[in-house]
């Protein structure tokens, strides 16, 4: 059964994409189509703030892209040296809160120890942070995207936990998206399932998929990687056949198997 994954592939340097691998174990023929492009901004401001660990109570990451921004900063020899010699150790005395396993692994790559990776979404991560932070303590530094949701900042603000947000990337539609979708549908036909990985993916892809599927759109099982994406799908009028219990290849594969088996068993 064919499954279309609307997400960026994992870095080629780090081996096969784990979603393709896991779905393959379940007998699914999965294809990735990149949906988003990212422009990194305010990197000098980011490193200035990272250079002052004593000003903050910790770090918050809800997106792998925020870690990519830090890794771009650290490509400069002088900044990498400062990070390796002292900054990394000083930040490691403070919590680095993360929303999921993908973000956690990138936090580990820059030498920090992640906390809260089982949260899975911003709401649960906010609850986790509130259970560990005291009101009116030092602000948590939150590198984020221009399209960040306000759930986490709102919950922390209501609990009196200071959060300093810094926008370090902007999200736009991938330049090849429309062409890639047209090519997939003309060559592979209508997939059994389409999986959305972000609200932005819903925004950028839905119209094209509706046009390419035509009357067959009701044959497609639409799935979400998490509750935030599922909400965006429902708001756009898409029936959500399954939502992964947590944003991992294993949970997505299990959810897809259940949704598609109900259709065919």
C-alpha atoms as a PDB file:
ATOM      1  CA  UNK A   1       0.000   0.000   0.000  1.00  0.00           C
ATOM      2  CA  UNK A   2       1.312   3.415  -0.959  1.00  0.00           C
ATOM      3  CA  UNK A   3       1.720   6.137   1.676  1.00  0.00           C
ATOM      4  CA  UNK A   4       2.655   9.746   0.905  1.00  0.00           C
ATOM      5  CA  UNK A   5       4.610  11.496   3.682  1.00  0.00           C
ATOM      6  CA  UNK A   6       4.519  15.289   3.455  1.00  0.00           C
ATOM      7  CA  UNK A   7       7.804  16.006   5.231  1.00  0.00           C
ATOM      8  CA  UNK A   8      11.445  16.772   4.613  1.00  0.00           C
ATOM      9  CA  UNK A   9      13.736  13.743   4.321  1.00  0.00           C
ATOM     10  CA  UNK A  10      16.230  13.188   7.102  1.00  0.00           C
ATOM     11  CA  UNK A  11      19.740  14.458   6.405  1.00  0.00           C
ATOM     12  CA  UNK A  12      21.394  12.173   3.863  1.00  0.00           C
ATOM     13  CA  UNK A  13      24.504  12.030   6.057  1.00  0.00           C
ATOM     14  CA  UNK A  14      22.595  10.290   8.846  1.00  0.00           C
ATOM     15  CA  UNK A  15      21.342   7.323   6.837  1.00  0.00           C
ATOM     16  CA  UNK A  16      17.899   6.289   5.557  1.00  0.00           C
ATOM     17  CA  UNK A  17      14.847   8.201   6.743  1.00  0.00           C
ATOM     18  CA  UNK A  18      13.440   6.408   9.828  1.00  0.00           C
ATOM     19  CA  UNK A  19       9.810   6.866   8.682  1.00  0.00           C
ATOM     20  CA  UNK A  20      10.516   5.176   5.333  1.00  0.00           C
ATOM     21  CA  UNK A  21      12.295   2.337   7.154  1.00  0.00           C
ATOM     22  CA  UNK A  22       9.609   1.770   9.783  1.00  0.00           C
ATOM     23  CA  UNK A  23       6.695   1.900   7.349  1.00  0.00           C
ATOM     24  CA  UNK A  24       8.562  -0.537   5.129  1.00  0.00           C
ATOM     25  CA  UNK A  25       8.598  -3.050   7.991  1.00  0.00           C
ATOM     26  CA  UNK A  26       4.785  -2.864   7.987  1.00  0.00           C
ATOM     27  CA  UNK A  27       4.649  -3.455   4.234  1.00  0.00           C
ATOM     28  CA  UNK A  28       3.922   0.156   3.263  1.00  0.00           C
ATOM     29  CA  UNK A  29       5.553   1.730   0.212  1.00  0.00           C
ATOM     30  CA  UNK A  30       6.278   5.225   1.564  1.00  0.00           C
ATOM     31  CA  UNK A  31       7.410   8.270  -0.403  1.00  0.00           C
ATOM     32  CA  UNK A  32       8.617  11.595   1.033  1.00  0.00           C
ATOM     33  CA  UNK A  33       7.817  14.937  -0.557  1.00  0.00           C
ATOM     34  CA  UNK A  34       9.474  17.989   1.058  1.00  0.00           C
ATOM     35  CA  UNK A  35       6.873  20.640   1.836  1.00  0.00           C
ATOM     36  CA  UNK A  36       8.737  23.458   3.541  1.00  0.00           C
ATOM     37  CA  UNK A  37      11.761  25.667   3.020  1.00  0.00           C
ATOM     38  CA  UNK A  38      13.405  27.519   5.895  1.00  0.00           C
ATOM     39  CA  UNK A  39      15.267  30.810   6.029  1.00  0.00           C
ATOM     40  CA  UNK A  40      17.421  31.269   9.121  1.00  0.00           C
ATOM     41  CA  UNK A  41      17.527  34.757  10.635  1.00  0.00           C
ATOM     42  CA  UNK A  42      18.865  36.623  13.700  1.00  0.00           C
ATOM     43  CA  UNK A  43      21.764  34.186  14.076  1.00  0.00           C
ATOM     44  CA  UNK A  44      24.106  36.816  15.552  1.00  0.00           C
ATOM     45  CA  UNK A  45      21.490  37.672  18.183  1.00  0.00           C
ATOM     46  CA  UNK A  46      21.041  33.973  18.867  1.00  0.00           C
ATOM     47  CA  UNK A  47      24.711  33.422  19.549  1.00  0.00           C
ATOM     48  CA  UNK A  48      24.926  36.562  21.704  1.00  0.00           C
ATOM     49  CA  UNK A  49      22.218  35.101  23.915  1.00  0.00           C
ATOM     50  CA  UNK A  50      23.834  31.656  23.918  1.00  0.00           C
ATOM     51  CA  UNK A  51      27.034  33.381  25.059  1.00  0.00           C
ATOM     52  CA  UNK A  52      25.311  34.470  28.299  1.00  0.00           C
ATOM     53  CA  UNK A  53      24.064  31.289  30.022  1.00  0.00           C
ATOM     54  CA  UNK A  54      24.089  33.117  33.358  1.00  0.00           C
ATOM     55  CA  UNK A  55      21.226  35.338  32.107  1.00  0.00           C
ATOM     56  CA  UNK A  56      18.834  32.411  31.617  1.00  0.00           C
ATOM     57  CA  UNK A  57      17.274  29.577  33.567  1.00  0.00           C
ATOM     58  CA  UNK A  58      17.462  27.138  30.662  1.00  0.00           C
ATOM     59  CA  UNK A  59      16.513  26.497  27.038  1.00  0.00           C
ATOM     60  CA  UNK A  60      13.273  25.471  25.314  1.00  0.00           C
ATOM     61  CA  UNK A  61      13.141  23.782  21.885  1.00  0.00           C
ATOM     62  CA  UNK A  62       9.900  22.853  20.133  1.00  0.00           C
ATOM     63  CA  UNK A  63      11.385  22.438  16.642  1.00  0.00           C
ATOM     64  CA  UNK A  64      14.412  20.729  15.108  1.00  0.00           C
ATOM     65  CA  UNK A  65      14.910  23.907  13.037  1.00  0.00           C
ATOM     66  CA  UNK A  66      15.839  25.883  16.139  1.00  0.00           C
ATOM     67  CA  UNK A  67      18.679  23.413  16.689  1.00  0.00           C
ATOM     68  CA  UNK A  68      19.679  23.748  13.041  1.00  0.00           C
ATOM     69  CA  UNK A  69      20.017  27.496  13.633  1.00  0.00           C
ATOM     70  CA  UNK A  70      22.422  26.816  16.520  1.00  0.00           C
ATOM     71  CA  UNK A  71      24.400  24.327  14.416  1.00  0.00           C
ATOM     72  CA  UNK A  72      24.765  26.954  11.668  1.00  0.00           C
ATOM     73  CA  UNK A  73      26.153  29.372  14.284  1.00  0.00           C
ATOM     74  CA  UNK A  74      28.625  26.747  15.458  1.00  0.00           C
ATOM     75  CA  UNK A  75      30.042  26.249  11.957  1.00  0.00           C
ATOM     76  CA  UNK A  76      32.143  29.358  12.586  1.00  0.00           C
ATOM     77  CA  UNK A  77      35.411  28.265  14.161  1.00  0.00           C
ATOM     78  CA  UNK A  78      35.510  30.997  16.811  1.00  0.00           C
ATOM     79  CA  UNK A  79      31.940  30.298  17.931  1.00  0.00           C
ATOM     80  CA  UNK A  80      32.472  26.544  17.916  1.00  0.00           C
ATOM     81  CA  UNK A  81      35.580  26.982  20.056  1.00  0.00           C
ATOM     82  CA  UNK A  82      33.735  29.175  22.568  1.00  0.00           C
ATOM     83  CA  UNK A  83      30.893  26.632  22.708  1.00  0.00           C
ATOM     84  CA  UNK A  84      33.210  23.653  23.184  1.00  0.00           C
ATOM     85  CA  UNK A  85      35.495  25.320  25.739  1.00  0.00           C
ATOM     86  CA  UNK A  86      32.947  26.742  28.156  1.00  0.00           C
ATOM     87  CA  UNK A  87      29.455  27.586  26.917  1.00  0.00           C
ATOM     88  CA  UNK A  88      28.329  23.974  26.486  1.00  0.00           C
ATOM     89  CA  UNK A  89      29.352  23.058  30.024  1.00  0.00           C
ATOM     90  CA  UNK A  90      27.688  26.167  31.474  1.00  0.00           C
ATOM     91  CA  UNK A  91      24.416  25.457  29.655  1.00  0.00           C
ATOM     92  CA  UNK A  92      24.568  21.852  30.838  1.00  0.00           C
ATOM     93  CA  UNK A  93      24.008  23.049  34.401  1.00  0.00           C
ATOM     94  CA  UNK A  94      20.554  24.193  33.216  1.00  0.00           C
ATOM     95  CA  UNK A  95      17.637  22.287  31.670  1.00  0.00           C
ATOM     96  CA  UNK A  96      17.185  22.010  27.887  1.00  0.00           C
ATOM     97  CA  UNK A  97      13.472  21.277  27.442  1.00  0.00           C
ATOM     98  CA  UNK A  98      12.425  19.553  24.200  1.00  0.00           C
ATOM     99  CA  UNK A  99       9.111  18.533  22.664  1.00  0.00           C
ATOM    100  CA  UNK A 100      10.012  15.163  21.108  1.00  0.00           C
ATOM    101  CA  UNK A 101      12.654  12.604  20.197  1.00  0.00           C
ATOM    102  CA  UNK A 102      13.784  14.259  16.944  1.00  0.00           C
ATOM    103  CA  UNK A 103      14.481  17.520  18.760  1.00  0.00           C
ATOM    104  CA  UNK A 104      16.084  15.639  21.661  1.00  0.00           C
ATOM    105  CA  UNK A 105      18.584  13.887  19.381  1.00  0.00           C
ATOM    106  CA  UNK A 106      19.655  17.242  17.898  1.00  0.00           C
ATOM    107  CA  UNK A 107      20.080  18.698  21.395  1.00  0.00           C
ATOM    108  CA  UNK A 108      22.382  15.775  22.181  1.00  0.00           C
ATOM    109  CA  UNK A 109      24.355  16.455  18.986  1.00  0.00           C
ATOM    110  CA  UNK A 110      25.324  19.917  20.268  1.00  0.00           C
ATOM    111  CA  UNK A 111      26.391  18.376  23.578  1.00  0.00           C
ATOM    112  CA  UNK A 112      23.410  19.163  25.814  1.00  0.00           C
ATOM    113  CA  UNK A 113      21.124  16.848  27.789  1.00  0.00           C
ATOM    114  CA  UNK A 114      17.443  17.050  26.768  1.00  0.00           C
ATOM    115  CA  UNK A 115      14.497  16.886  29.176  1.00  0.00           C
ATOM    116  CA  UNK A 116      10.808  16.336  28.447  1.00  0.00           C
ATOM    117  CA  UNK A 117      11.207  14.482  25.149  1.00  0.00           C
ATOM    118  CA  UNK A 118       8.231  12.244  25.905  1.00  0.00           C
ATOM    119  CA  UNK A 119       5.906  15.273  25.944  1.00  0.00           C
ATOM    120  CA  UNK A 120       5.134  15.010  22.225  1.00  0.00           C
ATOM    121  CA  UNK A 121       3.412  18.395  21.884  1.00  0.00           C
ATOM    122  CA  UNK A 122       3.628  21.984  23.139  1.00  0.00           C
ATOM    123  CA  UNK A 123       0.758  21.635  25.622  1.00  0.00           C
ATOM    124  CA  UNK A 124       2.328  18.681  27.425  1.00  0.00           C
ATOM    125  CA  UNK A 125       5.789  20.232  27.321  1.00  0.00           C
ATOM    126  CA  UNK A 126       4.384  23.405  28.914  1.00  0.00           C
ATOM    127  CA  UNK A 127       2.893  21.286  31.723  1.00  0.00           C
ATOM    128  CA  UNK A 128       6.240  19.499  32.153  1.00  0.00           C
ATOM    129  CA  UNK A 129       8.124  22.813  32.382  1.00  0.00           C
ATOM    130  CA  UNK A 130       5.611  24.251  34.857  1.00  0.00           C
ATOM    131  CA  UNK A 131       6.093  21.219  37.114  1.00  0.00           C
ATOM    132  CA  UNK A 132       9.842  21.945  37.292  1.00  0.00           C
ATOM    133  CA  UNK A 133      10.246  25.725  37.128  1.00  0.00           C
ATOM    134  CA  UNK A 134       9.422  28.264  39.818  1.00  0.00           C
ATOM    135  CA  UNK A 135       7.508  31.463  39.040  1.00  0.00           C
ATOM    136  CA  UNK A 136       9.579  34.618  38.561  1.00  0.00           C
ATOM    137  CA  UNK A 137      12.839  32.701  38.132  1.00  0.00           C
ATOM    138  CA  UNK A 138      15.335  33.498  35.366  1.00  0.00           C
ATOM    139  CA  UNK A 139      13.808  33.509  31.879  1.00  0.00           C
ATOM    140  CA  UNK A 140      13.988  30.425  29.659  1.00  0.00           C
ATOM    141  CA  UNK A 141      15.475  31.122  26.216  1.00  0.00           C
ATOM    142  CA  UNK A 142      13.157  29.945  23.426  1.00  0.00           C
ATOM    143  CA  UNK A 143      14.627  30.000  19.879  1.00  0.00           C
ATOM    144  CA  UNK A 144      11.629  29.466  17.592  1.00  0.00           C
ATOM    145  CA  UNK A 145      10.046  29.959  14.181  1.00  0.00           C
ATOM    146  CA  UNK A 146       7.995  32.887  12.944  1.00  0.00           C
ATOM    147  CA  UNK A 147       4.899  30.636  12.822  1.00  0.00           C
ATOM    148  CA  UNK A 148       5.194  29.321  16.380  1.00  0.00           C
ATOM    149  CA  UNK A 149       1.932  28.586  18.175  1.00  0.00           C
ATOM    150  CA  UNK A 150       1.181  30.585  21.315  1.00  0.00           C
ATOM    151  CA  UNK A 151       0.192  27.614  23.465  1.00  0.00           C
ATOM    152  CA  UNK A 152       3.487  27.168  25.309  1.00  0.00           C
ATOM    153  CA  UNK A 153       4.226  30.904  25.839  1.00  0.00           C
ATOM    154  CA  UNK A 154       0.650  31.452  27.070  1.00  0.00           C
ATOM    155  CA  UNK A 155       0.725  28.596  29.600  1.00  0.00           C
ATOM    156  CA  UNK A 156       4.110  29.666  30.992  1.00  0.00           C
ATOM    157  CA  UNK A 157       3.006  33.304  31.207  1.00  0.00           C
ATOM    158  CA  UNK A 158      -0.122  32.312  33.128  1.00  0.00           C
ATOM    159  CA  UNK A 159       2.053  30.385  35.601  1.00  0.00           C
ATOM    160  CA  UNK A 160       4.478  33.319  35.989  1.00  0.00           C
ATOM    161  CA  UNK A 161       7.390  31.497  34.338  1.00  0.00           C
ATOM    162  CA  UNK A 162       9.389  33.981  32.211  1.00  0.00           C
ATOM    163  CA  UNK A 163      10.097  32.990  28.592  1.00  0.00           C
ATOM    164  CA  UNK A 164      12.250  34.956  26.156  1.00  0.00           C
ATOM    165  CA  UNK A 165      11.356  34.091  22.550  1.00  0.00           C
ATOM    166  CA  UNK A 166      13.738  34.744  19.665  1.00  0.00           C
ATOM    167  CA  UNK A 167      12.616  34.088  16.078  1.00  0.00           C
ATOM    168  CA  UNK A 168      15.475  32.286  14.322  1.00  0.00           C
ATOM    169  CA  UNK A 169      13.770  30.947  11.187  1.00  0.00           C
ATOM    170  CA  UNK A 170      10.939  31.688   8.776  1.00  0.00           C
ATOM    171  CA  UNK A 171       8.877  29.049   6.977  1.00  0.00           C
ATOM    172  CA  UNK A 172       7.897  29.177   3.307  1.00  0.00           C
ATOM    173  CA  UNK A 173       6.562  26.692   0.761  1.00  0.00           C
ATOM    174  CA  UNK A 174       9.190  24.464  -0.862  1.00  0.00           C
ATOM    175  CA  UNK A 175       9.872  25.690  -4.392  1.00  0.00           C
ATOM    176  CA  UNK A 176       9.363  22.216  -5.930  1.00  0.00           C
ATOM    177  CA  UNK A 177       6.245  21.268  -3.956  1.00  0.00           C
ATOM    178  CA  UNK A 178       3.592  21.603  -6.655  1.00  0.00           C
ATOM    179  CA  UNK A 179       5.743  19.886  -9.267  1.00  0.00           C
ATOM    180  CA  UNK A 180       6.651  17.049  -6.864  1.00  0.00           C
ATOM    181  CA  UNK A 181       3.001  16.415  -5.972  1.00  0.00           C
ATOM    182  CA  UNK A 182       1.930  16.418  -9.643  1.00  0.00           C
ATOM    183  CA  UNK A 183       4.724  14.006 -10.515  1.00  0.00           C
ATOM    184  CA  UNK A 184       3.825  11.647  -7.644  1.00  0.00           C
ATOM    185  CA  UNK A 185       0.124  11.443  -8.534  1.00  0.00           C
ATOM    186  CA  UNK A 186       0.792  10.991 -12.259  1.00  0.00           C
ATOM    187  CA  UNK A 187       3.392   8.242 -11.712  1.00  0.00           C
ATOM    188  CA  UNK A 188       2.193   6.493  -8.527  1.00  0.00           C
ATOM    189  CA  UNK A 189      -1.546   7.139  -8.666  1.00  0.00           C
ATOM    190  CA  UNK A 190      -3.765   7.775  -5.645  1.00  0.00           C
ATOM    191  CA  UNK A 191      -2.035   6.758  -2.381  1.00  0.00           C
ATOM    192  CA  UNK A 192      -3.851   4.737   0.269  1.00  0.00           C
ATOM    193  CA  UNK A 193      -2.861   7.363   2.827  1.00  0.00           C
ATOM    194  CA  UNK A 194      -1.440  10.892   3.013  1.00  0.00           C
ATOM    195  CA  UNK A 195       0.342  11.921   6.228  1.00  0.00           C
ATOM    196  CA  UNK A 196       0.661  15.566   7.233  1.00  0.00           C
ATOM    197  CA  UNK A 197       3.552  16.531   9.524  1.00  0.00           C
ATOM    198  CA  UNK A 198       2.682  20.175  10.270  1.00  0.00           C
ATOM    199  CA  UNK A 199      -0.114  22.757  10.032  1.00  0.00           C
ATOM    200  CA  UNK A 200       2.019  24.484   7.378  1.00  0.00           C
ATOM    201  CA  UNK A 201       1.943  21.264   5.355  1.00  0.00           C
ATOM    202  CA  UNK A 202      -1.859  21.334   5.443  1.00  0.00           C
ATOM    203  CA  UNK A 203      -1.855  24.961   4.348  1.00  0.00           C
ATOM    204  CA  UNK A 204       0.565  24.463   1.450  1.00  0.00           C
ATOM    205  CA  UNK A 205      -0.525  21.005   0.175  1.00  0.00           C
ATOM    206  CA  UNK A 206      -4.245  20.504   0.618  1.00  0.00           C
ATOM    207  CA  UNK A 207      -5.462  22.462  -2.404  1.00  0.00           C
ATOM    208  CA  UNK A 208      -3.019  20.653  -4.724  1.00  0.00           C
ATOM    209  CA  UNK A 209      -3.956  17.222  -3.335  1.00  0.00           C
ATOM    210  CA  UNK A 210      -7.674  17.922  -3.728  1.00  0.00           C
ATOM    211  CA  UNK A 211      -7.144  18.944  -7.350  1.00  0.00           C
ATOM    212  CA  UNK A 212      -4.897  15.958  -8.173  1.00  0.00           C
ATOM    213  CA  UNK A 213      -7.159  13.403  -6.447  1.00  0.00           C
ATOM    214  CA  UNK A 214     -10.431  14.604  -7.906  1.00  0.00           C
ATOM    215  CA  UNK A 215     -13.328  12.258  -7.124  1.00  0.00           C
ATOM    216  CA  UNK A 216     -10.913   9.726  -5.592  1.00  0.00           C
ATOM    217  CA  UNK A 217     -10.069  11.949  -2.597  1.00  0.00           C
ATOM    218  CA  UNK A 218     -12.608  10.066  -0.470  1.00  0.00           C
ATOM    219  CA  UNK A 219     -10.512   6.895  -0.951  1.00  0.00           C
ATOM    220  CA  UNK A 220      -7.529   8.451   0.828  1.00  0.00           C
ATOM    221  CA  UNK A 221      -6.989   8.004   4.571  1.00  0.00           C
ATOM    222  CA  UNK A 222      -5.564  11.282   5.893  1.00  0.00           C
ATOM    223  CA  UNK A 223      -3.323  10.974   8.950  1.00  0.00           C
ATOM    224  CA  UNK A 224      -1.557  13.421  11.287  1.00  0.00           C
ATOM    225  CA  UNK A 225       1.782  13.180  13.073  1.00  0.00           C
ATOM    226  CA  UNK A 226       0.300  14.835  16.170  1.00  0.00           C
ATOM    227  CA  UNK A 227      -2.700  16.652  17.666  1.00  0.00           C
ATOM    228  CA  UNK A 228      -1.670  20.134  16.494  1.00  0.00           C
ATOM    229  CA  UNK A 229      -1.533  18.968  12.886  1.00  0.00           C
ATOM    230  CA  UNK A 230      -4.801  17.049  13.338  1.00  0.00           C
ATOM    231  CA  UNK A 231      -6.494  20.262  14.529  1.00  0.00           C
ATOM    232  CA  UNK A 232      -5.271  22.090  11.408  1.00  0.00           C
ATOM    233  CA  UNK A 233      -6.596  19.265   9.216  1.00  0.00           C
ATOM    234  CA  UNK A 234     -10.009  19.319  10.892  1.00  0.00           C
ATOM    235  CA  UNK A 235     -10.160  23.117  10.566  1.00  0.00           C
ATOM    236  CA  UNK A 236      -9.491  22.698   6.828  1.00  0.00           C
ATOM    237  CA  UNK A 237     -12.309  20.155   6.546  1.00  0.00           C
ATOM    238  CA  UNK A 238     -10.172  17.011   6.202  1.00  0.00           C
ATOM    239  CA  UNK A 239     -11.407  13.863   7.985  1.00  0.00           C
ATOM    240  CA  UNK A 240      -8.553  12.622  10.203  1.00  0.00           C
ATOM    241  CA  UNK A 241      -8.323   8.822  10.036  1.00  0.00           C
ATOM    242  CA  UNK A 242      -5.520   8.546  12.595  1.00  0.00           C
ATOM    243  CA  UNK A 243      -3.215  10.653  14.727  1.00  0.00           C
ATOM    244  CA  UNK A 244       0.085   9.157  15.872  1.00  0.00           C
ATOM    245  CA  UNK A 245       0.111   8.664  19.662  1.00  0.00           C
ATOM    246  CA  UNK A 246       3.509  10.342  19.714  1.00  0.00           C
ATOM    247  CA  UNK A 247       5.516  11.838  16.825  1.00  0.00           C
ATOM    248  CA  UNK A 248       7.666   8.767  16.131  1.00  0.00           C
ATOM    249  CA  UNK A 249       7.980   6.421  13.136  1.00  0.00           C
ATOM    250  CA  UNK A 250       6.815   3.502  15.290  1.00  0.00           C
ATOM    251  CA  UNK A 251       3.607   5.191  16.475  1.00  0.00           C
ATOM    252  CA  UNK A 252       2.809   6.505  13.003  1.00  0.00           C
ATOM    253  CA  UNK A 253       3.274   3.035  11.488  1.00  0.00           C
ATOM    254  CA  UNK A 254       1.022   1.466  14.134  1.00  0.00           C
ATOM    255  CA  UNK A 255      -1.662   4.124  13.592  1.00  0.00           C
ATOM    256  CA  UNK A 256      -1.543   3.742   9.804  1.00  0.00           C
ATOM    257  CA  UNK A 257      -1.772  -0.028  10.019  1.00  0.00           C
ATOM    258  CA  UNK A 258      -4.879   0.245  12.180  1.00  0.00           C
ATOM    259  CA  UNK A 259      -6.525   2.905   9.962  1.00  0.00           C
ATOM    260  CA  UNK A 260      -5.810   1.094   6.706  1.00  0.00           C
ATOM    261  CA  UNK A 261      -6.661  -2.334   8.071  1.00  0.00           C
ATOM    262  CA  UNK A 262     -10.099  -1.056   9.124  1.00  0.00           C
ATOM    263  CA  UNK A 263     -10.577  -0.077   5.490  1.00  0.00           C
ATOM    264  CA  UNK A 264      -9.388  -3.336   3.960  1.00  0.00           C
ATOM    265  CA  UNK A 265      -9.741  -6.103   6.563  1.00  0.00           C
END
